[in-house]
Amino acid sequence: GVDATADLASELFDVVGRFRRQLRRSAGRGFDATGLTQSQAELLRLVGRRPGMSVREAAEELGLVPNTASTLVSKLAADGLLLRDADADDRRVGRLRLTEPAQRIADRTRAARRATLAGVLDDLDADQIDRLERGLGVLNEVTRMLQKGDT
């Protein structure tokens, strides 16, 4: 019923939020330790994973209006963390990449989080791994459904 769905939604928020916070605590905070806002840190992590993405792509991925994304980009560029280059084919499109020091932080943090998580996943049994994989499939599908709703 409606109550069960609300409970599940609430639990999903709680579990995903706790997972992300705990992984950051366990593996080192990276950009979160530098006094940046959560949105700024998320943008840097995203561009660190996908250098060359456009400001529009970053905005869509993070669920931000383009104007907000542009403001974030300007601030992070001014702080020496982010570079915005004009696209070779279309000068109106801004392509994003991290500065070298910021990319080093992103790479180091991602490697630490992967290693920390891999260590824990190694302790799961085959049944737990199977259930986790199925759950991730459902979470992926829910994410796709939410994205469709955004358009």
Foldseek 3Di string as FASTA:
>chain_A
DVVVVVVVVVVVVVVVVVVVVVLCVVQPPQPVVVPDDPLLVQLLLVCLVPFFDWLVVSCLVVVHDSVVSVVSQVVCVVVQFKDWAQDPVGRVTTTIHTDVVSSVSSVSSVVSSVVVVVVVVVPDDPVVVVVVVVVVVVVVVVVVVVSVVVD
